[in-house]
N, C-alpha and C. Protein backbone atom coordinates (compact mmCIF):
# COMPACT_ATOMS: atom_id res chain seq x y z
N UNK A 1 143.45 21.25 52.32
CA UNK A 1 142.21 21.60 51.68
C UNK A 1 141.74 20.54 50.72
N UNK A 2 140.49 20.40 50.61
CA UNK A 2 139.93 19.38 49.76
C UNK A 2 139.63 19.95 48.37
N UNK A 3 139.40 19.05 47.51
CA UNK A 3 139.02 19.40 46.12
C UNK A 3 137.76 20.24 46.14
N UNK A 4 136.82 19.86 46.93
CA UNK A 4 135.50 20.48 47.01
C UNK A 4 135.65 21.94 47.46
N UNK A 5 136.50 22.18 48.50
CA UNK A 5 136.80 23.51 48.92
C UNK A 5 137.44 24.35 47.83
N UNK A 6 138.34 23.76 47.09
CA UNK A 6 138.98 24.46 46.06
C UNK A 6 138.01 24.90 44.90
N UNK A 7 137.20 23.92 44.59
CA UNK A 7 136.16 24.22 43.55
C UNK A 7 135.17 25.29 44.02
N UNK A 8 134.76 25.21 45.23
CA UNK A 8 133.85 26.24 45.80
C UNK A 8 134.56 27.64 45.76
N UNK A 9 135.70 27.73 46.15
CA UNK A 9 136.45 28.96 46.05
C UNK A 9 136.52 29.47 44.68
N UNK A 10 136.87 28.64 43.77
CA UNK A 10 136.93 29.07 42.31
C UNK A 10 135.58 29.53 41.80
N UNK A 11 134.57 28.76 42.16
CA UNK A 11 133.22 29.16 41.73
C UNK A 11 132.82 30.49 42.29
N UNK A 12 133.13 30.84 43.49
CA UNK A 12 132.84 32.08 44.16
C UNK A 12 133.64 33.18 43.52
N UNK A 13 134.88 32.90 43.19
CA UNK A 13 135.79 33.86 42.53
C UNK A 13 135.21 34.28 41.23
N UNK A 14 134.67 33.31 40.46
CA UNK A 14 134.15 33.62 39.10
C UNK A 14 132.90 34.43 39.20
N UNK A 15 132.31 34.62 40.39
CA UNK A 15 131.15 35.48 40.61
C UNK A 15 131.40 36.99 40.65
N UNK A 16 132.79 37.27 40.82
CA UNK A 16 133.19 38.69 40.95
C UNK A 16 133.22 39.18 39.49
N UNK A 17 132.44 40.16 39.26
CA UNK A 17 132.39 40.71 37.85
C UNK A 17 132.71 42.19 37.92
N UNK A 18 133.65 42.60 37.06
CA UNK A 18 134.04 44.00 36.96
C UNK A 18 132.86 44.82 36.50
N UNK A 19 132.12 44.37 35.61
CA UNK A 19 130.96 45.22 35.08
C UNK A 19 130.00 45.47 36.22
N UNK A 20 129.80 44.54 37.12
CA UNK A 20 128.87 44.71 38.29
C UNK A 20 129.44 45.76 39.23
N UNK A 21 130.74 45.66 39.48
CA UNK A 21 131.42 46.57 40.37
C UNK A 21 131.34 47.98 39.82
N UNK A 22 131.57 48.19 38.49
CA UNK A 22 131.50 49.40 37.84
C UNK A 22 130.00 50.00 37.86
N UNK A 23 129.12 49.13 37.64
CA UNK A 23 127.72 49.60 37.74
C UNK A 23 127.28 50.10 39.13
N UNK A 24 127.77 49.36 40.05
CA UNK A 24 127.50 49.69 41.52
C UNK A 24 128.14 51.12 41.82
N UNK A 25 129.33 51.37 41.27
CA UNK A 25 130.08 52.59 41.59
C UNK A 25 129.77 53.68 40.54
N UNK A 26 128.83 53.37 39.62
CA UNK A 26 128.45 54.32 38.55
C UNK A 26 129.64 54.80 37.81
N UNK A 27 130.44 53.87 37.30
CA UNK A 27 131.68 54.07 36.48
C UNK A 27 131.52 53.34 35.20
N UNK A 28 131.92 53.90 34.11
CA UNK A 28 131.86 53.21 32.82
C UNK A 28 133.10 52.26 32.73
N UNK A 29 132.82 51.01 32.53
CA UNK A 29 133.92 49.96 32.47
C UNK A 29 135.01 50.34 31.52
N UNK A 30 134.61 50.68 30.33
CA UNK A 30 135.57 50.98 29.28
C UNK A 30 136.41 52.17 29.65
N UNK A 31 135.95 53.09 30.29
CA UNK A 31 136.73 54.24 30.78
C UNK A 31 137.75 53.78 31.80
N UNK A 32 137.50 52.76 32.55
CA UNK A 32 138.47 52.21 33.46
C UNK A 32 139.61 51.59 32.65
N UNK A 33 139.29 50.83 31.65
CA UNK A 33 140.36 50.16 30.86
C UNK A 33 141.26 51.15 30.14
N UNK A 34 140.68 52.27 29.71
CA UNK A 34 141.44 53.26 29.00
C UNK A 34 142.00 54.33 29.80
N UNK A 35 141.74 54.29 31.16
CA UNK A 35 142.26 55.31 32.03
C UNK A 35 141.66 56.72 31.95
N UNK A 36 140.44 56.68 31.43
CA UNK A 36 139.82 57.99 31.28
C UNK A 36 138.98 58.50 32.42
N UNK A 37 138.97 57.64 33.48
CA UNK A 37 138.35 58.05 34.69
C UNK A 37 139.28 58.75 35.67
N UNK A 38 138.73 59.41 36.59
CA UNK A 38 139.59 60.14 37.59
C UNK A 38 140.37 59.13 38.39
N UNK A 39 141.43 59.56 38.96
CA UNK A 39 142.32 58.67 39.80
C UNK A 39 141.43 58.11 40.94
N UNK A 40 140.59 58.98 41.54
CA UNK A 40 139.79 58.51 42.61
C UNK A 40 138.77 57.42 42.23
N UNK A 41 138.15 57.50 41.03
CA UNK A 41 137.25 56.49 40.60
C UNK A 41 137.93 55.17 40.33
N UNK A 42 139.10 55.25 39.71
CA UNK A 42 139.88 54.04 39.47
C UNK A 42 140.24 53.39 40.79
N UNK A 43 140.65 54.17 41.71
CA UNK A 43 141.04 53.66 43.06
C UNK A 43 139.88 53.03 43.75
N UNK A 44 138.62 53.70 43.66
CA UNK A 44 137.46 53.05 44.18
C UNK A 44 137.14 51.69 43.63
N UNK A 45 137.30 51.53 42.32
CA UNK A 45 137.11 50.29 41.63
C UNK A 45 138.08 49.26 42.20
N UNK A 46 139.38 49.61 42.26
CA UNK A 46 140.33 48.70 42.80
C UNK A 46 140.05 48.26 44.22
N UNK A 47 139.62 49.18 45.06
CA UNK A 47 139.31 48.88 46.46
C UNK A 47 138.09 47.92 46.54
N UNK A 48 137.16 48.10 45.65
CA UNK A 48 135.98 47.23 45.65
C UNK A 48 136.35 45.90 45.17
N UNK A 49 137.26 45.78 44.21
CA UNK A 49 137.77 44.40 43.78
C UNK A 49 138.43 43.74 44.96
N UNK A 50 139.35 44.50 45.65
CA UNK A 50 140.08 43.98 46.74
C UNK A 50 139.09 43.50 47.89
N UNK A 51 138.02 44.29 48.05
CA UNK A 51 136.98 43.96 49.12
C UNK A 51 136.31 42.66 48.79
N UNK A 52 136.01 42.52 47.46
CA UNK A 52 135.22 41.23 46.99
C UNK A 52 136.17 40.00 47.22
N UNK A 53 137.41 40.20 46.90
CA UNK A 53 138.40 39.09 47.09
C UNK A 53 138.60 38.73 48.54
N UNK A 54 138.69 39.78 49.38
CA UNK A 54 138.76 39.57 50.84
C UNK A 54 137.58 38.87 51.37
N UNK A 55 136.39 39.18 50.88
CA UNK A 55 135.16 38.57 51.29
C UNK A 55 135.14 37.03 50.94
N UNK A 56 135.82 36.67 49.80
CA UNK A 56 135.97 35.29 49.43
C UNK A 56 136.77 34.50 50.54
N UNK A 57 137.84 35.12 50.99
CA UNK A 57 138.61 34.46 51.96
C UNK A 57 137.85 34.29 53.27
N UNK A 58 137.07 35.28 53.68
CA UNK A 58 136.28 35.30 54.83
C UNK A 58 135.23 34.20 54.71
N UNK A 59 134.53 34.19 53.61
CA UNK A 59 133.49 33.18 53.33
C UNK A 59 134.17 31.79 53.37
N UNK A 60 135.29 31.66 52.75
CA UNK A 60 135.97 30.39 52.60
C UNK A 60 136.30 29.87 54.04
N UNK A 61 136.80 30.78 54.92
CA UNK A 61 137.11 30.42 56.26
C UNK A 61 135.84 30.01 57.08
N UNK A 62 134.81 30.74 56.89
CA UNK A 62 133.51 30.40 57.62
C UNK A 62 133.00 29.01 57.19
N UNK A 63 133.00 28.85 55.83
CA UNK A 63 132.48 27.55 55.34
C UNK A 63 133.32 26.39 55.78
N UNK A 64 134.60 26.61 55.96
CA UNK A 64 135.53 25.46 56.34
C UNK A 64 135.80 25.50 57.83
N UNK A 65 135.14 26.23 58.67
CA UNK A 65 135.29 26.21 60.12
C UNK A 65 136.62 26.72 60.55
N UNK A 66 137.22 27.71 59.81
CA UNK A 66 138.54 28.30 60.18
C UNK A 66 138.31 29.52 60.99
C-alpha cells in the first residue's frame, strides 16, 4: 500500500460520525453512551458502525483495483 492509499483510508474513516448514525436511526447519542437505550437500539447502532467500516474496505478495494 502506498502512503496516498493510507491517507485516503484515514480520511474516509474520519467521515464516520456517531452523531450522524444516531440521527439516522433516531437514537439519542448520549443515551447510547449511558446505556439508557434498549438493547435492540444499541445493537442497531453497533451494526451501522460495522456497516460503515465494511464500506470503507469495499471502497478502498474498488479505488485500488482489488
